[in-house]
Amino acid sequence: MAIKITKHYIVNLSLAVVIFALSVFAIRYYNHYVSAYMDVTINSKVLNESRKIFIRLPTNYDVNKAYPLIIKTDGNFNLETWDQALTKQAKKEKGDKAILVSIPNLFFTFTRNRDLVPPYARQDVNTEARLALEAISEPSGEADKFLQFIETELLPYLSANYKLTNNRVLSGFSAGGSFVLYTLHTKPELFNGYFAFSPAAWYDDMTVVKKLDTFLDTQSDKINSPTYLYLSVGSAEHPLMLKAFNNLEQALTANPNSTLVWESAVNLGAEHSDNPSLSVVNALAGYNHFIKH
């Protein structure tokens, strides 16, 4: 028996498909671009676009009190872990210690590599060194612009709306970790704490490692005030990630700096996506010990 497909049936089916697609889109948008905290939009002239920030204030936030500041990349990724770590720290030390600001990547277009990859590496990350023609034809990362946004727009906004101490941390994972290292060797004065979880320092034949090594060897005097760096990686990560991590450790060991305190950790059995959640507590503990001594 033939099934008669009516116009009414087609219309209803089409509406159901549209509603389902919109529901999926709304869920993805909410998970990516809406936080459990306070969401603020900054109209950036540097980036020529509107950028959201997620702001987690301490539980008993006091407008008359100055707080340390933590800025992290990748929005909601690992944000719950940060919340739990800061809550636990607050209970242990009888008072929340920091304002946490997380910057989500844009939702409608993929801008993560654009924002977080250093300008001396390709946005479409590659293991091989860049060739002369590639330097012209392939777009470079624009971490310099993203850092300018943080320095000239985000930090002034936060300073104007909240009382902040001089203790400031920048944290990032993977490409965000390479952005942390880029900031350390280009604008070390912006933060006194740098957390790089599984930093993707292997871009373009270890160019991030080489840039940091050169900086530590020839310009480390630019780190002229006490600064803390925490590096971590999972032992089950890709061999390139582990090699870059080892090379970073070697560069830091070969170029000691009395004002730069650094620690590193390998989380046993951790895959790439596991490592950030295993690193937050130890990074915060190391940084807190650093600022107290």
C-alpha atoms as a PDB file:
ATOM      1  CA  MET A   1       0.000   0.000   0.000  1.00  0.00           C
ATOM      2  CA  ALA A   2       1.444   3.357  -1.025  1.00  0.00           C
ATOM      3  CA  ILE A   3       1.887   6.002   1.671  1.00  0.00           C
ATOM      4  CA  LYS A   4       0.336   9.296   0.726  1.00  0.00           C
ATOM      5  CA  ILE A   5       2.578  12.210   1.692  1.00  0.00           C
ATOM      6  CA  THR A   6       0.496  15.309   2.048  1.00  0.00           C
ATOM      7  CA  LYS A   7       1.554  18.928   1.984  1.00  0.00           C
ATOM      8  CA  HIS A   8       0.535  19.190   5.626  1.00  0.00           C
ATOM      9  CA  TYR A   9       2.896  16.322   6.514  1.00  0.00           C
ATOM     10  CA  ILE A  10       5.836  17.933   4.686  1.00  0.00           C
ATOM     11  CA  VAL A  11       5.220  21.272   6.391  1.00  0.00           C
ATOM     12  CA  ASN A  12       5.077  19.666   9.844  1.00  0.00           C
ATOM     13  CA  LEU A  13       8.204  17.619   9.167  1.00  0.00           C
ATOM     14  CA  SER A  14      10.061  20.711   7.965  1.00  0.00           C
ATOM     15  CA  LEU A  15       9.011  22.639  11.062  1.00  0.00           C
ATOM     16  CA  ALA A  16      10.175  19.791  13.291  1.00  0.00           C
ATOM     17  CA  VAL A  17      13.574  19.738  11.576  1.00  0.00           C
ATOM     18  CA  VAL A  18      13.910  23.519  11.909  1.00  0.00           C
ATOM     19  CA  ILE A  19      12.914  23.451  15.594  1.00  0.00           C
ATOM     20  CA  PHE A  20      15.379  20.632  16.274  1.00  0.00           C
ATOM     21  CA  ALA A  21      18.187  22.486  14.469  1.00  0.00           C
ATOM     22  CA  LEU A  22      17.433  25.699  16.365  1.00  0.00           C
ATOM     23  CA  SER A  23      17.403  23.808  19.659  1.00  0.00           C
ATOM     24  CA  VAL A  24      20.810  22.262  18.942  1.00  0.00           C
ATOM     25  CA  PHE A  25      22.143  25.679  17.917  1.00  0.00           C
ATOM     26  CA  ALA A  26      20.751  27.305  21.082  1.00  0.00           C
ATOM     27  CA  ILE A  27      22.319  24.647  23.313  1.00  0.00           C
ATOM     28  CA  ARG A  28      25.685  24.994  21.613  1.00  0.00           C
ATOM     29  CA  TYR A  29      25.496  28.776  21.849  1.00  0.00           C
ATOM     30  CA  TYR A  30      24.562  28.662  25.533  1.00  0.00           C
ATOM     31  CA  ASN A  31      27.334  26.185  26.399  1.00  0.00           C
ATOM     32  CA  HIS A  32      29.897  28.231  24.510  1.00  0.00           C
ATOM     33  CA  TYR A  33      28.859  31.824  24.977  1.00  0.00           C
ATOM     34  CA  VAL A  34      26.951  32.036  28.270  1.00  0.00           C
ATOM     35  CA  SER A  35      28.562  31.487  31.663  1.00  0.00           C
ATOM     36  CA  ALA A  36      27.256  30.739  35.132  1.00  0.00           C
ATOM     37  CA  TYR A  37      28.684  34.048  36.337  1.00  0.00           C
ATOM     38  CA  MET A  38      28.468  37.617  35.078  1.00  0.00           C
ATOM     39  CA  ASP A  39      28.790  38.133  31.324  1.00  0.00           C
ATOM     40  CA  VAL A  40      29.965  41.475  29.938  1.00  0.00           C
ATOM     41  CA  THR A  41      30.471  42.552  26.326  1.00  0.00           C
ATOM     42  CA  ILE A  42      33.339  44.848  25.390  1.00  0.00           C
ATOM     43  CA  ASN A  43      33.306  46.589  22.023  1.00  0.00           C
ATOM     44  CA  SER A  44      36.924  46.243  20.994  1.00  0.00           C
ATOM     45  CA  LYS A  45      38.464  48.811  18.671  1.00  0.00           C
ATOM     46  CA  VAL A  46      41.672  46.790  18.594  1.00  0.00           C
ATOM     47  CA  LEU A  47      39.960  43.639  17.321  1.00  0.00           C
ATOM     48  CA  ASN A  48      37.178  45.514  15.530  1.00  0.00           C
ATOM     49  CA  GLU A  49      34.554  43.241  17.067  1.00  0.00           C
ATOM     50  CA  SER A  50      32.510  42.762  20.225  1.00  0.00           C
ATOM     51  CA  ARG A  51      34.034  40.365  22.753  1.00  0.00           C
ATOM     52  CA  LYS A  52      32.399  38.754  25.727  1.00  0.00           C
ATOM     53  CA  ILE A  53      34.077  38.182  29.066  1.00  0.00           C
ATOM     54  CA  PHE A  54      32.897  35.980  31.927  1.00  0.00           C
ATOM     55  CA  ILE A  55      33.532  37.480  35.377  1.00  0.00           C
ATOM     56  CA  ARG A  56      33.503  35.312  38.515  1.00  0.00           C
ATOM     57  CA  LEU A  57      33.524  37.449  41.636  1.00  0.00           C
ATOM     58  CA  PRO A  58      34.433  36.062  45.079  1.00  0.00           C
ATOM     59  CA  THR A  59      31.474  34.725  47.057  1.00  0.00           C
ATOM     60  CA  ASN A  60      31.546  37.534  49.619  1.00  0.00           C
ATOM     61  CA  TYR A  61      32.736  40.181  47.205  1.00  0.00           C
ATOM     62  CA  ASP A  62      33.420  43.537  48.860  1.00  0.00           C
ATOM     63  CA  VAL A  63      33.516  46.608  46.594  1.00  0.00           C
ATOM     64  CA  ASN A  64      35.887  48.288  49.031  1.00  0.00           C
ATOM     65  CA  LYS A  65      38.410  45.461  48.968  1.00  0.00           C
ATOM     66  CA  ALA A  66      41.188  44.982  46.393  1.00  0.00           C
ATOM     67  CA  TYR A  67      41.499  41.543  44.830  1.00  0.00           C
ATOM     68  CA  PRO A  68      44.085  39.693  42.758  1.00  0.00           C
ATOM     69  CA  LEU A  69      43.084  39.074  39.145  1.00  0.00           C
ATOM     70  CA  ILE A  70      43.193  35.886  37.081  1.00  0.00           C
ATOM     71  CA  ILE A  71      42.552  36.031  33.335  1.00  0.00           C
ATOM     72  CA  LYS A  72      42.115  32.784  31.430  1.00  0.00           C
ATOM     73  CA  THR A  73      41.431  31.968  27.788  1.00  0.00           C
ATOM     74  CA  ASP A  74      38.865  29.595  26.233  1.00  0.00           C
ATOM     75  CA  GLY A  75      35.778  30.779  28.078  1.00  0.00           C
ATOM     76  CA  ASN A  76      33.761  27.968  29.672  1.00  0.00           C
ATOM     77  CA  PHE A  77      36.433  25.325  29.066  1.00  0.00           C
ATOM     78  CA  ASN A  78      37.664  24.142  32.485  1.00  0.00           C
ATOM     79  CA  LEU A  79      35.848  27.055  34.134  1.00  0.00           C
ATOM     80  CA  GLU A  80      34.039  24.780  36.585  1.00  0.00           C
ATOM     81  CA  THR A  81      37.383  23.401  37.753  1.00  0.00           C
ATOM     82  CA  TRP A  82      38.584  26.933  38.396  1.00  0.00           C
ATOM     83  CA  ASP A  83      35.438  27.699  40.365  1.00  0.00           C
ATOM     84  CA  GLN A  84      35.877  24.594  42.519  1.00  0.00           C
ATOM     85  CA  ALA A  85      39.570  25.318  43.109  1.00  0.00           C
ATOM     86  CA  LEU A  86      38.940  28.938  44.111  1.00  0.00           C
ATOM     87  CA  THR A  87      36.024  27.909  46.348  1.00  0.00           C
ATOM     88  CA  LYS A  88      38.186  25.303  48.075  1.00  0.00           C
ATOM     89  CA  GLN A  89      40.998  27.818  48.451  1.00  0.00           C
ATOM     90  CA  ALA A  90      38.575  30.347  49.960  1.00  0.00           C
ATOM     91  CA  LYS A  91      37.407  27.855  52.591  1.00  0.00           C
ATOM     92  CA  LYS A  92      40.962  26.842  53.410  1.00  0.00           C
ATOM     93  CA  GLU A  93      42.269  30.389  53.710  1.00  0.00           C
ATOM     94  CA  LYS A  94      39.025  31.933  55.009  1.00  0.00           C
ATOM     95  CA  GLY A  95      38.347  34.302  52.161  1.00  0.00           C
ATOM     96  CA  ASP A  96      38.250  34.302  48.361  1.00  0.00           C
ATOM     97  CA  LYS A  97      41.473  35.497  46.875  1.00  0.00           C
ATOM     98  CA  ALA A  98      40.827  36.508  43.284  1.00  0.00           C
ATOM     99  CA  ILE A  99      38.505  37.821  40.617  1.00  0.00           C
ATOM    100  CA  LEU A 100      38.474  35.361  37.723  1.00  0.00           C
ATOM    101  CA  VAL A 101      37.896  36.637  34.187  1.00  0.00           C
ATOM    102  CA  SER A 102      37.542  34.165  31.337  1.00  0.00           C
ATOM    103  CA  ILE A 103      37.543  35.199  27.671  1.00  0.00           C
ATOM    104  CA  PRO A 104      35.479  32.951  25.367  1.00  0.00           C
ATOM    105  CA  ASN A 105      36.390  32.508  21.739  1.00  0.00           C
ATOM    106  CA  LEU A 106      33.920  33.920  19.236  1.00  0.00           C
ATOM    107  CA  PHE A 107      30.962  31.644  18.548  1.00  0.00           C
ATOM    108  CA  PHE A 108      30.006  32.348  14.955  1.00  0.00           C
ATOM    109  CA  THR A 109      33.520  32.226  13.497  1.00  0.00           C
ATOM    110  CA  PHE A 110      36.608  30.221  14.462  1.00  0.00           C
ATOM    111  CA  THR A 111      39.024  32.753  15.925  1.00  0.00           C
ATOM    112  CA  ARG A 112      40.872  30.651  18.497  1.00  0.00           C
ATOM    113  CA  ASN A 113      44.043  30.141  16.452  1.00  0.00           C
ATOM    114  CA  ARG A 114      43.870  33.697  15.168  1.00  0.00           C
ATOM    115  CA  ASP A 115      43.844  35.102  18.706  1.00  0.00           C
ATOM    116  CA  LEU A 116      46.127  32.684  20.525  1.00  0.00           C
ATOM    117  CA  VAL A 117      48.820  31.704  18.011  1.00  0.00           C
ATOM    118  CA  PRO A 118      51.880  34.027  18.091  1.00  0.00           C
ATOM    119  CA  PRO A 119      52.469  36.210  15.008  1.00  0.00           C
ATOM    120  CA  TYR A 120      55.653  34.290  14.168  1.00  0.00           C
ATOM    121  CA  ALA A 121      53.667  31.060  13.621  1.00  0.00           C
ATOM    122  CA  ARG A 122      50.988  29.996  11.143  1.00  0.00           C
ATOM    123  CA  GLN A 123      47.344  30.059  12.179  1.00  0.00           C
ATOM    124  CA  ASP A 124      46.983  26.682  10.493  1.00  0.00           C
ATOM    125  CA  VAL A 125      49.538  25.163  12.840  1.00  0.00           C
ATOM    126  CA  ASN A 126      52.176  22.928  11.332  1.00  0.00           C
ATOM    127  CA  THR A 127      55.076  20.907  12.689  1.00  0.00           C
ATOM    128  CA  GLU A 128      57.529  22.036  10.009  1.00  0.00           C
ATOM    129  CA  ALA A 129      59.408  25.332   9.905  1.00  0.00           C
ATOM    130  CA  ARG A 130      57.902  28.082   7.775  1.00  0.00           C
ATOM    131  CA  LEU A 131      59.295  28.584   4.301  1.00  0.00           C
ATOM    132  CA  ALA A 132      59.794  32.028   2.756  1.00  0.00           C
ATOM    133  CA  LEU A 133      56.745  31.681   0.486  1.00  0.00           C
ATOM    134  CA  GLU A 134      54.616  30.427   3.369  1.00  0.00           C
ATOM    135  CA  ALA A 135      55.500  33.511   5.369  1.00  0.00           C
ATOM    136  CA  ILE A 136      53.755  35.512   2.665  1.00  0.00           C
ATOM    137  CA  SER A 137      50.922  33.222   1.619  1.00  0.00           C
ATOM    138  CA  GLU A 138      49.783  31.689   4.901  1.00  0.00           C
ATOM    139  CA  PRO A 139      48.171  33.874   7.581  1.00  0.00           C
ATOM    140  CA  SER A 140      50.105  34.272  10.802  1.00  0.00           C
ATOM    141  CA  GLY A 141      48.617  34.142  14.251  1.00  0.00           C
ATOM    142  CA  GLU A 142      47.434  37.453  15.656  1.00  0.00           C
ATOM    143  CA  ALA A 143      48.239  36.972  19.323  1.00  0.00           C
ATOM    144  CA  ASP A 144      49.816  40.426  19.249  1.00  0.00           C
ATOM    145  CA  LYS A 145      46.395  41.997  18.590  1.00  0.00           C
ATOM    146  CA  PHE A 146      44.672  39.820  21.175  1.00  0.00           C
ATOM    147  CA  LEU A 147      47.307  40.782  23.739  1.00  0.00           C
ATOM    148  CA  GLN A 148      46.825  44.444  22.810  1.00  0.00           C
ATOM    149  CA  PHE A 149      43.097  43.974  23.451  1.00  0.00           C
ATOM    150  CA  ILE A 150      43.878  42.603  26.917  1.00  0.00           C
ATOM    151  CA  GLU A 151      46.426  45.322  27.702  1.00  0.00           C
ATOM    152  CA  THR A 152      44.667  48.412  26.350  1.00  0.00           C
ATOM    153  CA  GLU A 153      40.965  47.527  26.660  1.00  0.00           C
ATOM    154  CA  LEU A 154      40.264  44.630  29.012  1.00  0.00           C
ATOM    155  CA  LEU A 155      42.657  45.516  31.842  1.00  0.00           C
ATOM    156  CA  PRO A 156      41.605  49.215  31.868  1.00  0.00           C
ATOM    157  CA  TYR A 157      37.944  48.128  31.936  1.00  0.00           C
ATOM    158  CA  LEU A 158      38.556  45.811  34.884  1.00  0.00           C
ATOM    159  CA  SER A 159      40.650  48.395  36.727  1.00  0.00           C
ATOM    160  CA  ALA A 160      37.896  50.984  36.273  1.00  0.00           C
ATOM    161  CA  ASN A 161      35.175  48.692  37.612  1.00  0.00           C
ATOM    162  CA  TYR A 162      36.946  46.680  40.304  1.00  0.00           C
ATOM    163  CA  LYS A 163      39.618  47.307  42.899  1.00  0.00           C
ATOM    164  CA  LEU A 164      42.603  45.156  41.984  1.00  0.00           C
ATOM    165  CA  THR A 165      45.923  44.380  43.630  1.00  0.00           C
ATOM    166  CA  ASN A 166      49.161  44.120  41.666  1.00  0.00           C
ATOM    167  CA  ASN A 167      48.929  40.320  41.653  1.00  0.00           C
ATOM    168  CA  ARG A 168      47.731  39.270  38.206  1.00  0.00           C
ATOM    169  CA  VAL A 169      47.762  35.858  36.536  1.00  0.00           C
ATOM    170  CA  LEU A 170      47.371  34.860  32.881  1.00  0.00           C
ATOM    171  CA  SER A 171      46.402  31.243  32.257  1.00  0.00           C
ATOM    172  CA  GLY A 172      45.942  29.260  29.059  1.00  0.00           C
ATOM    173  CA  PHE A 173      45.739  25.718  27.707  1.00  0.00           C
ATOM    174  CA  SER A 174      47.273  24.309  24.499  1.00  0.00           C
ATOM    175  CA  ALA A 175      47.179  27.226  22.016  1.00  0.00           C
ATOM    176  CA  GLY A 176      46.282  29.321  25.056  1.00  0.00           C
ATOM    177  CA  GLY A 177      49.458  28.025  26.697  1.00  0.00           C
ATOM    178  CA  SER A 178      51.535  29.256  23.762  1.00  0.00           C
ATOM    179  CA  PHE A 179      49.754  32.610  24.128  1.00  0.00           C
ATOM    180  CA  VAL A 180      50.821  32.689  27.784  1.00  0.00           C
ATOM    181  CA  LEU A 181      54.448  32.079  26.787  1.00  0.00           C
ATOM    182  CA  TYR A 182      54.168  34.704  24.041  1.00  0.00           C
ATOM    183  CA  THR A 183      52.941  37.231  26.592  1.00  0.00           C
ATOM    184  CA  LEU A 184      55.751  36.319  28.982  1.00  0.00           C
ATOM    185  CA  HIS A 185      58.470  37.079  26.450  1.00  0.00           C
ATOM    186  CA  THR A 186      56.849  40.169  24.904  1.00  0.00           C
ATOM    187  CA  LYS A 187      55.005  41.886  27.794  1.00  0.00           C
ATOM    188  CA  PRO A 188      56.318  40.250  30.981  1.00  0.00           C
ATOM    189  CA  GLU A 189      55.316  43.261  33.069  1.00  0.00           C
ATOM    190  CA  LEU A 190      51.584  42.778  32.478  1.00  0.00           C
ATOM    191  CA  PHE A 191      51.316  39.815  34.869  1.00  0.00           C
ATOM    192  CA  ASN A 192      53.353  38.370  37.699  1.00  0.00           C
ATOM    193  CA  GLY A 193      51.860  34.898  37.289  1.00  0.00           C
ATOM    194  CA  TYR A 194      51.828  32.789  34.116  1.00  0.00           C
ATOM    195  CA  PHE A 195      50.148  29.361  33.898  1.00  0.00           C
ATOM    196  CA  ALA A 196      50.777  27.392  30.683  1.00  0.00           C
ATOM    197  CA  PHE A 197      48.941  24.061  30.667  1.00  0.00           C
ATOM    198  CA  SER A 198      50.058  21.749  27.828  1.00  0.00           C
ATOM    199  CA  PRO A 199      51.451  24.715  25.876  1.00  0.00           C
ATOM    200  CA  ALA A 200      51.461  24.137  22.111  1.00  0.00           C
ATOM    201  CA  ALA A 201      55.061  25.284  21.828  1.00  0.00           C
ATOM    202  CA  TRP A 202      55.831  22.935  18.922  1.00  0.00           C
ATOM    203  CA  TYR A 203      54.356  25.232  16.247  1.00  0.00           C
ATOM    204  CA  ASP A 204      56.487  25.568  13.123  1.00  0.00           C
ATOM    205  CA  ASP A 205      59.423  23.443  14.263  1.00  0.00           C
ATOM    206  CA  MET A 206      59.366  24.536  17.940  1.00  0.00           C
ATOM    207  CA  THR A 207      59.354  28.244  17.105  1.00  0.00           C
ATOM    208  CA  VAL A 208      57.631  29.143  20.408  1.00  0.00           C
ATOM    209  CA  VAL A 209      60.343  27.308  22.337  1.00  0.00           C
ATOM    210  CA  LYS A 210      63.065  29.008  20.313  1.00  0.00           C
ATOM    211  CA  LYS A 211      61.583  32.479  20.828  1.00  0.00           C
ATOM    212  CA  LEU A 212      61.353  31.947  24.588  1.00  0.00           C
ATOM    213  CA  ASP A 213      64.876  30.501  24.702  1.00  0.00           C
ATOM    214  CA  THR A 214      66.282  33.523  22.838  1.00  0.00           C
ATOM    215  CA  PHE A 215      64.399  35.885  25.127  1.00  0.00           C
ATOM    216  CA  LEU A 216      65.713  34.181  28.267  1.00  0.00           C
ATOM    217  CA  ASP A 217      69.245  34.218  26.857  1.00  0.00           C
ATOM    218  CA  THR A 218      69.372  37.815  25.630  1.00  0.00           C
ATOM    219  CA  GLN A 219      66.528  39.847  27.165  1.00  0.00           C
ATOM    220  CA  SER A 220      65.658  38.218  30.466  1.00  0.00           C
ATOM    221  CA  ASP A 221      66.441  41.524  32.198  1.00  0.00           C
ATOM    222  CA  LYS A 222      63.011  42.656  30.952  1.00  0.00           C
ATOM    223  CA  ILE A 223      61.602  40.448  33.700  1.00  0.00           C
ATOM    224  CA  ASN A 224      62.626  42.998  36.316  1.00  0.00           C
ATOM    225  CA  SER A 225      60.158  42.136  39.073  1.00  0.00           C
ATOM    226  CA  PRO A 226      59.344  38.806  40.755  1.00  0.00           C
ATOM    227  CA  THR A 227      57.416  36.620  38.290  1.00  0.00           C
ATOM    228  CA  TYR A 228      56.054  33.085  38.539  1.00  0.00           C
ATOM    229  CA  LEU A 229      55.665  30.556  35.708  1.00  0.00           C
ATOM    230  CA  TYR A 230      53.892  27.202  35.993  1.00  0.00           C
ATOM    231  CA  LEU A 231      54.180  24.641  33.190  1.00  0.00           C
ATOM    232  CA  SER A 232      52.393  21.314  32.995  1.00  0.00           C
ATOM    233  CA  VAL A 233      51.790  18.488  30.556  1.00  0.00           C
ATOM    234  CA  GLY A 234      50.123  15.070  30.609  1.00  0.00           C
ATOM    235  CA  SER A 235      52.381  12.053  30.278  1.00  0.00           C
ATOM    236  CA  ALA A 236      49.999  10.484  27.714  1.00  0.00           C
ATOM    237  CA  GLU A 237      50.016  13.506  25.397  1.00  0.00           C
ATOM    238  CA  HIS A 238      51.360  13.545  21.841  1.00  0.00           C
ATOM    239  CA  PRO A 239      55.153  13.064  21.600  1.00  0.00           C
ATOM    240  CA  LEU A 240      55.507  16.516  20.002  1.00  0.00           C
ATOM    241  CA  MET A 241      53.822  18.108  23.017  1.00  0.00           C
ATOM    242  CA  LEU A 242      56.119  16.225  25.375  1.00  0.00           C
ATOM    243  CA  LYS A 243      59.186  17.170  23.340  1.00  0.00           C
ATOM    244  CA  ALA A 244      58.223  20.843  23.380  1.00  0.00           C
ATOM    245  CA  PHE A 245      57.626  20.652  27.141  1.00  0.00           C
ATOM    246  CA  ASN A 246      61.067  19.106  27.702  1.00  0.00           C
ATOM    247  CA  ASN A 247      62.668  21.764  25.490  1.00  0.00           C
ATOM    248  CA  LEU A 248      60.952  24.507  27.496  1.00  0.00           C
ATOM    249  CA  GLU A 249      62.307  23.019  30.722  1.00  0.00           C
ATOM    250  CA  GLN A 250      65.800  22.885  29.209  1.00  0.00           C
ATOM    251  CA  ALA A 251      65.594  26.518  28.069  1.00  0.00           C
ATOM    252  CA  LEU A 252      64.498  27.670  31.520  1.00  0.00           C
ATOM    253  CA  THR A 253      67.196  25.597  33.226  1.00  0.00           C
ATOM    254  CA  ALA A 254      69.927  26.860  30.885  1.00  0.00           C
ATOM    255  CA  ASN A 255      68.952  30.502  31.407  1.00  0.00           C
ATOM    256  CA  PRO A 256      68.353  31.044  35.130  1.00  0.00           C
ATOM    257  CA  ASN A 257      66.829  34.366  36.169  1.00  0.00           C
ATOM    258  CA  SER A 258      66.732  35.510  39.776  1.00  0.00           C
ATOM    259  CA  THR A 259      63.383  37.258  39.273  1.00  0.00           C
ATOM    260  CA  LEU A 260      61.684  34.372  37.428  1.00  0.00           C
ATOM    261  CA  VAL A 261      60.513  31.481  39.589  1.00  0.00           C
ATOM    262  CA  TRP A 262      59.244  28.532  37.594  1.00  0.00           C
ATOM    263  CA  GLU A 263      57.813  25.123  38.320  1.00  0.00           C
ATOM    264  CA  SER A 264      56.838  22.276  36.025  1.00  0.00           C
ATOM    265  CA  ALA A 265      54.779  19.134  36.409  1.00  0.00           C
ATOM    266  CA  VAL A 266      53.987  16.027  34.379  1.00  0.00           C
ATOM    267  CA  ASN A 267      50.578  14.588  35.234  1.00  0.00           C
ATOM    268  CA  LEU A 268      50.906  10.832  34.933  1.00  0.00           C
ATOM    269  CA  GLY A 269      48.481   9.131  32.572  1.00  0.00           C
ATOM    270  CA  ALA A 270      46.811  12.394  31.548  1.00  0.00           C
ATOM    271  CA  GLU A 271      45.720  12.983  27.964  1.00  0.00           C
ATOM    272  CA  HIS A 272      45.794  16.448  26.397  1.00  0.00           C
ATOM    273  CA  SER A 273      42.249  17.395  27.420  1.00  0.00           C
ATOM    274  CA  ASP A 274      42.706  15.939  30.924  1.00  0.00           C
ATOM    275  CA  ASN A 275      45.754  17.970  31.866  1.00  0.00           C
ATOM    276  CA  PRO A 276      44.170  21.414  32.537  1.00  0.00           C
ATOM    277  CA  SER A 277      41.763  20.138  35.195  1.00  0.00           C
ATOM    278  CA  LEU A 278      44.659  18.357  36.919  1.00  0.00           C
ATOM    279  CA  SER A 279      46.846  21.464  36.862  1.00  0.00           C
ATOM    280  CA  VAL A 280      44.733  24.301  38.276  1.00  0.00           C
ATOM    281  CA  VAL A 281      45.015  23.455  41.975  1.00  0.00           C
ATOM    282  CA  ASN A 282      48.792  22.965  41.902  1.00  0.00           C
ATOM    283  CA  ALA A 283      49.348  26.093  39.815  1.00  0.00           C
ATOM    284  CA  LEU A 284      47.310  28.185  42.267  1.00  0.00           C
ATOM    285  CA  ALA A 285      49.137  26.657  45.229  1.00  0.00           C
ATOM    286  CA  GLY A 286      52.522  27.389  43.671  1.00  0.00           C
ATOM    287  CA  TYR A 287      51.539  30.956  42.841  1.00  0.00           C
ATOM    288  CA  ASN A 288      50.130  31.614  46.325  1.00  0.00           C
ATOM    289  CA  HIS A 289      53.348  30.324  47.890  1.00  0.00           C
ATOM    290  CA  PHE A 290      55.300  32.550  45.497  1.00  0.00           C
ATOM    291  CA  ILE A 291      53.457  35.796  46.401  1.00  0.00           C
ATOM    292  CA  LYS A 292      53.767  35.076  50.131  1.00  0.00           C
ATOM    293  CA  HIS A 293      57.524  34.583  50.113  1.00  0.00           C
END
